[in-house]
Protein backbone atom coordinates (compact mmCIF):
# COMPACT_ATOMS: atom_id res chain seq x y z
CA MET A 1 1.45 -18.79 -27.18
CA ILE A 2 5.24 -18.99 -27.37
CA PHE A 3 6.51 -18.11 -23.90
CA ASP A 4 10.17 -17.09 -23.59
CA ARG A 5 11.67 -19.19 -20.86
CA ARG A 6 13.99 -16.42 -19.84
CA ILE A 7 11.01 -14.66 -18.28
CA LEU A 8 10.54 -17.57 -15.87
CA ALA A 9 14.34 -17.58 -15.21
CA HIS A 10 14.22 -14.02 -13.95
CA PHE A 11 10.81 -14.15 -12.30
CA ASP A 12 11.02 -13.83 -8.51
CA PHE A 13 9.17 -16.89 -7.21
CA LEU A 14 10.03 -16.12 -3.65
CA ILE A 15 7.57 -13.19 -3.55
CA PRO A 16 4.43 -15.33 -4.26
CA LEU A 17 5.75 -18.00 -1.94
CA LEU A 18 5.89 -15.46 0.93
CA ILE A 19 2.50 -14.00 0.06
CA LEU A 20 0.65 -17.39 -0.06
CA PRO A 21 0.72 -18.10 3.71
CA ILE A 22 -0.35 -14.41 4.45
CA VAL A 23 -3.42 -14.73 2.21
CA GLY A 24 -4.10 -18.26 3.36
CA LEU A 25 -4.16 -17.22 7.04
CA SER A 26 -6.36 -14.22 6.23
CA LEU A 27 -8.94 -16.41 4.47
CA PHE A 28 -8.92 -18.84 7.43
CA LEU A 29 -9.71 -16.04 9.91
CA ILE A 30 -12.29 -14.36 7.74
CA HIS A 31 -14.10 -17.68 7.22
CA GLU A 32 -14.19 -18.23 11.01
CA LEU A 33 -15.79 -14.82 11.64
CA GLY A 34 -18.35 -14.90 8.83
CA SER A 35 -19.08 -17.34 6.00
CA LYS A 36 -20.61 -14.68 3.82
CA LEU A 37 -17.47 -12.50 3.88
CA ILE A 38 -15.29 -15.35 2.72
CA TYR A 39 -17.14 -15.54 -0.67
CA LYS A 40 -16.68 -11.81 -1.26
CA GLN A 41 -13.01 -11.98 -0.31
CA LEU A 42 -12.41 -14.86 -2.75
CA ILE A 43 -14.01 -12.73 -5.48
CA TYR A 44 -11.72 -9.86 -4.60
CA ILE A 45 -8.65 -12.12 -4.68
CA SER A 46 -9.67 -13.72 -7.96
CA ALA A 47 -10.27 -10.36 -9.62
CA SER A 48 -7.02 -8.99 -8.25
CA LEU A 49 -5.05 -11.92 -9.60
CA ALA A 50 -6.69 -11.64 -12.99
CA ILE A 51 -5.82 -7.93 -13.18
CA ALA A 52 -2.30 -8.49 -11.87
CA TYR A 53 -1.73 -11.13 -14.64
CA ILE A 54 -2.60 -8.51 -17.33
CA VAL A 55 -0.50 -5.84 -15.61
CA PHE A 56 2.50 -8.19 -15.57
CA PHE A 57 2.70 -8.11 -19.40
CA ILE A 58 2.59 -4.35 -19.77
CA PRO A 59 6.00 -3.02 -20.93
CA PHE A 60 6.39 -0.32 -18.29
CA ARG A 61 9.98 0.55 -19.22
CA LYS A 62 8.78 1.54 -22.72
CA LEU A 63 5.90 3.76 -21.44
CA PHE A 64 6.47 7.51 -21.36
CA LYS A 65 3.38 9.48 -22.37
CA THR A 66 1.12 6.85 -20.88
CA ILE A 67 2.67 7.17 -17.39
CA TYR A 68 2.36 11.00 -17.51
CA PHE A 69 -1.26 10.57 -18.67
CA PHE A 70 -1.97 8.06 -15.92
CA TYR A 71 -0.50 10.33 -13.21
CA TRP A 72 -2.50 13.45 -14.27
CA THR A 73 -5.65 11.47 -14.78
CA SER A 74 -5.40 10.17 -11.22
CA ILE A 75 -4.84 13.76 -10.01
CA ILE A 76 -8.02 14.85 -11.90
CA MET A 77 -9.95 11.98 -10.31
CA LEU A 78 -8.79 13.07 -6.85
CA LEU A 79 -10.07 16.60 -7.59
CA LEU A 80 -13.40 15.22 -8.88
CA VAL A 81 -14.05 13.50 -5.55
CA GLU A 82 -14.78 17.03 -4.18
CA TRP A 83 -17.81 17.39 -6.62
CA ILE A 84 -19.04 13.93 -7.53
CA GLY A 85 -17.59 11.81 -4.68
CA THR A 86 -19.82 9.74 -2.33
CA LYS A 87 -19.40 9.81 1.44
CA LYS A 88 -18.79 6.65 3.50
CA LEU A 89 -18.10 6.61 7.22
CA GLY A 90 -17.99 10.41 7.28
CA ALA A 91 -15.33 10.82 4.58
CA GLN A 92 -15.74 11.74 0.92
CA ARG A 93 -13.17 9.51 -0.87
CA TRP A 94 -15.03 7.42 -3.40
CA ILE A 95 -16.45 7.84 -6.89
CA GLU A 96 -19.34 5.63 -7.90
CA ILE A 97 -19.09 3.75 -11.25
CA PRO A 98 -22.25 4.62 -13.31
CA PHE A 99 -24.77 1.83 -13.77
CA THR A 100 -22.84 -0.48 -11.41
CA PRO A 101 -22.94 -1.17 -7.63
CA PHE A 102 -19.24 -0.56 -7.44
CA SER A 103 -17.19 2.52 -6.51
CA ILE A 104 -13.44 3.38 -6.84
CA GLN A 105 -11.16 5.21 -4.47
CA PRO A 106 -8.91 7.52 -6.54
CA SER A 107 -6.33 7.81 -3.74
CA GLU A 108 -5.50 4.10 -4.19
CA ILE A 109 -5.06 4.63 -7.96
CA LEU A 110 -2.84 7.61 -7.16
CA LYS A 111 -0.37 5.43 -5.22
CA ILE A 112 0.31 3.39 -8.33
CA SER A 113 0.47 6.30 -10.75
CA LEU A 114 2.72 8.33 -8.42
CA MET A 115 5.10 5.35 -7.97
CA LEU A 116 5.40 4.98 -11.82
CA MET A 117 5.74 8.75 -12.33
CA LEU A 118 8.53 8.99 -9.80
CA ALA A 119 10.32 6.02 -11.34
CA LEU A 120 10.11 7.58 -14.79
CA VAL A 121 11.31 11.03 -13.67
CA ILE A 122 14.21 9.62 -11.62
CA ARG A 123 15.28 7.20 -14.38
CA GLN A 124 15.43 10.18 -16.81
CA ASN A 125 17.41 12.25 -14.31
CA PRO A 126 19.32 9.98 -11.84
CA PRO A 127 20.75 11.61 -8.72
CA PRO A 128 24.45 12.80 -8.75
CA LYS A 129 27.02 11.36 -6.38
CA ASP A 130 26.13 13.82 -3.61
CA GLY A 131 22.36 13.35 -4.15
CA TYR A 132 19.71 15.69 -5.56
CA ASP A 133 20.10 19.41 -4.88
CA TRP A 134 17.33 21.83 -3.79
CA GLN A 135 16.11 22.47 -7.38
CA GLU A 136 15.59 18.83 -8.41
CA PHE A 137 14.39 17.85 -4.94
CA GLY A 138 11.74 20.62 -5.16
CA ARG A 139 10.67 19.50 -8.67
CA ILE A 140 10.14 15.90 -7.49
CA SER A 141 8.47 17.09 -4.27
CA LEU A 142 5.75 18.85 -6.31
CA LEU A 143 4.71 15.46 -7.68
CA ILE A 144 4.38 14.19 -4.10
CA LEU A 145 2.92 17.19 -2.26
CA GLY A 146 0.21 17.87 -4.87
CA PRO A 147 -1.74 14.63 -4.26
CA PHE A 148 -0.80 14.75 -0.54
CA PHE A 149 -2.76 17.97 0.00
CA ILE A 150 -5.60 16.93 -2.20
CA ILE A 151 -6.08 13.63 -0.25
CA LEU A 152 -5.74 15.54 3.06
CA GLN A 153 -8.83 17.63 2.20
CA GLN A 154 -11.06 14.53 1.65
CA PRO A 155 -10.28 14.07 4.62
CA ASP A 156 -8.03 11.03 4.66
CA LEU A 157 -5.02 11.74 6.86
CA GLY A 158 -3.90 8.11 6.91
CA THR A 159 -3.68 7.77 3.18
CA ALA A 160 -2.17 11.25 2.78
CA LEU A 161 0.63 10.43 5.17
CA THR A 162 1.16 7.11 3.45
CA VAL A 163 1.69 8.94 0.16
CA LEU A 164 4.16 11.27 1.91
CA PHE A 165 6.20 8.47 3.54
CA MET A 166 6.26 6.49 0.24
CA GLY A 167 7.56 9.42 -1.79
CA TYR A 168 10.15 10.89 0.63
CA GLY A 169 11.14 7.45 1.92
CA MET A 170 12.01 6.46 -1.64
CA LEU A 171 13.97 9.75 -2.12
CA PHE A 172 15.90 9.02 1.04
CA LEU A 173 16.92 5.64 -0.35
CA ILE A 174 17.62 6.88 -3.86
CA GLY A 175 19.77 9.81 -2.81
CA VAL A 176 19.18 13.41 -1.67
CA ASN A 177 21.86 15.74 -0.34
CA LYS A 178 21.96 15.29 3.45
CA LYS A 179 21.89 19.07 4.10
CA ILE A 180 18.35 19.12 2.69
CA TRP A 181 17.15 16.45 5.21
CA ILE A 182 18.74 18.35 8.08
CA THR A 183 17.13 21.61 7.03
CA LEU A 184 13.67 19.95 6.53
CA PHE A 185 13.89 18.32 9.98
CA CYS A 186 14.62 21.68 11.67
CA VAL A 187 11.80 23.42 9.81
CA PHE A 188 9.30 20.65 10.68
CA THR A 189 10.36 20.64 14.33
CA ILE A 190 9.91 24.42 14.68
CA SER A 191 6.58 24.55 12.73
CA SER A 192 4.99 21.43 14.31
CA PRO A 193 2.87 23.44 16.80
CA LEU A 194 1.35 25.42 13.90
CA ILE A 195 0.74 22.24 11.94
CA TYR A 196 -1.10 20.77 14.87
CA GLU A 197 -3.13 23.82 15.48
CA TYR A 198 -4.08 24.74 11.87
CA GLY A 199 -3.20 21.77 9.75
CA ILE A 200 -5.36 18.91 11.07
CA ARG A 201 -9.04 18.59 11.83
CA ASP A 202 -10.84 18.29 15.19
CA TYR A 203 -11.56 14.56 14.88
CA GLN A 204 -7.90 13.97 14.02
CA LYS A 205 -6.89 15.87 17.10
CA LYS A 206 -9.28 13.73 19.13
CA ARG A 207 -7.55 10.59 17.84
CA ILE A 208 -4.22 12.04 18.91
CA HIS A 209 -5.66 12.89 22.38
CA ASP A 210 -7.09 9.43 22.76
CA PHE A 211 -3.66 7.92 21.84
CA LEU A 212 -1.85 10.14 24.34
CA SER A 213 -4.44 9.75 27.11
CA GLU A 214 -3.78 7.38 30.03
CA LYS A 215 -6.75 5.25 29.08
CA PRO A 216 -6.96 4.02 25.47
CA SER A 217 -10.11 4.14 23.47
CA HIS A 218 -12.77 1.40 23.61
CA GLN A 219 -11.64 -0.12 20.33
CA VAL A 220 -8.00 -0.30 21.38
CA THR A 221 -8.86 -1.55 24.82
CA GLN A 222 -10.79 -4.53 23.39
CA SER A 223 -8.02 -5.15 20.93
CA ILE A 224 -5.40 -5.28 23.74
CA ILE A 225 -7.63 -7.63 25.73
CA ALA A 226 -7.93 -9.90 22.66
CA ILE A 227 -4.13 -9.94 22.21
CA GLY A 228 -3.44 -10.56 25.83
CA ALA A 229 -6.08 -13.38 25.94
CA GLY A 230 -4.17 -15.26 23.23
CA GLY A 231 -1.23 -15.87 25.53
CA LEU A 232 1.76 -17.63 24.20
CA ARG A 233 0.13 -20.18 21.81
CA GLY A 234 -3.42 -18.75 21.31
CA LYS A 235 -6.90 -20.18 21.81
CA GLN A 236 -9.29 -22.51 20.05
CA LYS A 237 -12.04 -20.78 18.00
CA ASP A 238 -14.77 -21.45 20.64
CA GLU A 239 -12.60 -19.99 23.37
CA ALA A 240 -11.72 -16.78 21.48
CA THR A 241 -14.53 -14.90 23.22
CA GLN A 242 -13.36 -11.41 22.33
CA SER A 243 -13.97 -12.07 18.62
CA GLN A 244 -16.73 -14.65 18.74
CA LEU A 245 -18.90 -12.57 21.09
CA LYS A 246 -18.30 -9.41 19.00
CA PHE A 247 -16.41 -7.48 21.68
CA LEU A 248 -13.50 -6.86 19.23
CA PRO A 249 -14.53 -4.18 16.72
CA ILE A 250 -13.93 -4.63 12.98
CA ALA A 251 -12.26 -7.96 13.61
CA THR A 252 -11.94 -8.85 9.94
CA SER A 253 -10.46 -5.60 8.79
CA ASP A 254 -8.69 -2.94 10.90
CA PHE A 255 -8.25 -5.14 14.00
CA ILE A 256 -7.80 -8.54 12.27
CA PHE A 257 -4.26 -8.75 13.78
CA ALA A 258 -5.83 -8.67 17.28
CA TYR A 259 -8.07 -11.64 16.36
CA TYR A 260 -5.06 -13.43 14.87
CA MET A 261 -3.15 -13.00 18.07
CA GLU A 262 -6.17 -14.22 20.10
CA ARG A 263 -6.22 -17.43 17.97
CA PHE A 264 -2.47 -18.04 17.52
CA GLY A 265 -0.89 -16.21 20.41
CA PHE A 266 2.52 -14.48 20.76
CA VAL A 267 4.29 -17.22 18.77
CA GLY A 268 1.90 -16.89 15.81
CA GLY A 269 2.06 -13.15 15.88
CA LEU A 270 5.88 -13.16 15.84
CA LEU A 271 5.91 -15.62 12.90
CA LEU A 272 3.58 -13.36 10.94
CA ILE A 273 5.66 -10.31 11.59
CA VAL A 274 8.83 -12.21 10.62
CA LEU A 275 7.13 -13.25 7.39
CA TYR A 276 6.24 -9.64 6.57
CA MET A 277 9.70 -8.38 7.39
CA PHE A 278 11.32 -11.04 5.24
CA LEU A 279 9.11 -10.02 2.36
CA ILE A 280 9.88 -6.32 2.92
CA PHE A 281 13.64 -6.72 3.13
CA HIS A 282 13.61 -9.07 0.10
CA ILE A 283 11.84 -6.47 -1.99
CA LEU A 284 14.03 -3.66 -0.62
CA SER A 285 17.18 -5.54 -1.56
CA TYR A 286 16.43 -4.83 -5.25
CA SER A 287 16.67 -1.08 -4.58
CA LEU A 288 20.17 -1.55 -3.18
CA LYS A 289 21.82 -3.99 -5.62
CA THR A 290 20.76 -2.68 -9.05
CA LYS A 291 21.73 0.29 -11.17
CA ASP A 292 18.33 0.32 -12.89
CA TYR A 293 16.70 3.36 -11.36
CA PHE A 294 13.24 2.46 -12.60
CA LEU A 295 13.46 -0.84 -10.70
CA ARG A 296 15.03 0.80 -7.70
CA VAL A 297 12.23 3.33 -7.28
CA ILE A 298 9.51 0.74 -7.66
CA ALA A 299 11.09 -1.67 -5.27
CA SER A 300 11.62 1.10 -2.69
CA CYS A 301 7.99 2.32 -2.95
CA VAL A 302 6.55 -1.18 -2.66
CA ALA A 303 8.73 -2.10 0.38
CA ILE A 304 7.97 1.18 2.10
CA LEU A 305 4.25 0.74 1.64
CA PHE A 306 4.25 -2.79 2.99
CA PHE A 307 6.29 -1.58 6.00
CA VAL A 308 4.10 1.49 6.74
CA TYR A 309 0.83 -0.38 6.42
CA MET A 310 2.03 -3.32 8.47
CA SER A 311 3.72 -1.30 11.23
CA VAL A 312 0.93 1.26 11.61
CA ASN A 313 -1.82 -1.33 11.65
CA ILE A 314 -0.14 -3.49 14.23
CA ALA A 315 0.91 -0.52 16.28
CA MET A 316 -2.65 0.86 16.49
CA THR A 317 -4.00 -2.54 17.61
CA ILE A 318 -1.67 -2.58 20.63
CA GLY A 319 -2.15 1.18 21.44
CA PHE A 320 1.19 2.36 20.07
CA ALA A 321 -0.36 4.54 17.30
CA PRO A 322 -3.57 6.43 16.70
CA VAL A 323 -6.42 4.47 15.14
CA VAL A 324 -6.32 5.14 11.34
CA GLY A 325 -7.91 3.22 8.44
CA LEU A 326 -4.72 1.38 7.23
CA PRO A 327 -5.37 -2.32 6.75
CA LEU A 328 -2.84 -5.05 7.27
CA PRO A 329 -1.45 -5.71 3.72
CA LEU A 330 -3.06 -8.68 1.94
CA PHE A 331 -4.46 -9.80 5.27
CA SER A 332 -7.41 -7.52 6.24
CA TYR A 333 -10.80 -8.04 4.59
CA GLY A 334 -11.50 -5.89 1.56
CA GLY A 335 -10.68 -5.64 -2.09
CA THR A 336 -9.28 -2.11 -2.74
CA SER A 337 -6.05 -2.47 -0.78
CA PHE A 338 -5.56 -6.03 -1.86
CA LEU A 339 -5.86 -5.00 -5.52
CA THR A 340 -3.45 -2.10 -5.07
CA PHE A 341 -0.76 -4.24 -3.57
CA MET A 342 -1.21 -6.97 -6.18
CA ILE A 343 -0.83 -4.45 -8.99
CA MET A 344 2.30 -3.06 -7.40
CA LEU A 345 3.78 -6.48 -6.99
CA ALA A 346 2.85 -7.31 -10.65
CA ILE A 347 4.70 -4.16 -11.75
CA LEU A 348 7.77 -5.20 -9.70
CA GLU A 349 7.69 -8.78 -11.11
CA ASN A 350 7.39 -7.33 -14.62
CA LEU A 351 10.54 -5.23 -14.10
CA LEU A 352 12.38 -8.24 -12.72
CA ALA A 353 11.23 -10.75 -15.37
CA PHE A 354 11.83 -8.43 -18.30
CA ARG A 355 14.87 -6.63 -16.80
CA PHE A 356 16.96 -7.43 -19.89
CA ASP A 357 14.24 -6.19 -22.26
CA LEU A 358 13.21 -9.64 -23.31
CA LYS A 359 10.83 -10.01 -26.21
CA TYR A 360 7.75 -12.15 -25.65
CA ASN A 361 5.18 -13.31 -28.26
CA LEU A 362 1.53 -12.63 -27.86
CA PRO A 363 -1.00 -15.31 -28.90
CA SER A 364 -2.14 -13.20 -31.77
CA SER A 365 -1.25 -9.79 -33.19
CA LYS A 366 -4.99 -9.03 -33.15
CA GLY A 367 -5.72 -10.46 -29.77
CA PRO A 368 -7.02 -8.26 -26.92
CA LEU A 369 -3.77 -8.50 -24.88
CA ALA A 370 -1.71 -7.55 -27.89
CA GLN A 371 -3.95 -4.61 -28.60
CA LEU A 372 -3.77 -3.50 -24.93
CA VAL A 373 0.08 -3.56 -24.91
CA ARG A 374 0.25 -1.64 -28.22
CA ALA A 375 -2.20 0.97 -26.95
CA LEU A 376 -0.24 1.48 -23.71
CA GLY A 377 3.04 1.63 -25.39
CA SER A 378 1.98 4.35 -27.85
């Protein structure tokens, strides 16, 4: 394989360097809490890296019909959840893959397809100097609100709001007339009581009540105890009783930040947050310093998703947000979220490495990777 050195010249090596300590710390904590989980997590990571490697070589800037097809296929898959989806933890969000023990969550696929669809639409019709008007804003909003309401019915309020924040957060950064934002804010403020009364389910109202009550829920209480027990510099493994004695719920997933704080204390928690924020601002910088709208949209969406997942997960562990199923990015145990973020980062790296439309040679014109690229580009 003849590899164009210019690809490496434009590849952003800082992103993997920032990710490595996050993943490394995650594996360390998961191993401490359960040796069996570490093997599964290593499989998830290996599979995600392999898929991300393939995604990196897909020429996204040259795809048109494929992105449209990908977006509408993900919408159809979201709709199919209603009829052939399987329930887990009281929610119907997954579709089982026939003849395998695996299942897929279409809402995760939707995040990637929506991001690409928005990038394609905005590149084809960039915002004017004063930002998008109502007509164009409404057209793009349909792409965001459609999957939002479908996911909301599964029910998956956390993912639905994530899609909403990603789409409209990106539009805020790209450029929309400020009169539109002022109008929407006023409408939302006036209609918020009706949204609360008729727009959310009873169990979601209970989460809000638990959040607003004087006494936090049992899960959050145990999380706060674990965080406080860590003190300034944390505790040794044997002394981390909240996690080792199973008082802390879901310590490897939703509340892994609480266990991390118990082990490494306030100093360790601050360093982890600084690491995340450096990664987020570094990715976000690409949306501010380039005229390539495809790259700007992708960078904005990835940075917003990292920020939303990180801030909500940490906030809920300390009682500052309702408990929702948003994992800490690339840190919590599980494969679905990890794979989603790795694919998004691979797409971003692709746009950076091939930003000047570099040509790269495949090992063989008949090889599987060459056939895949030709098929996606058609």
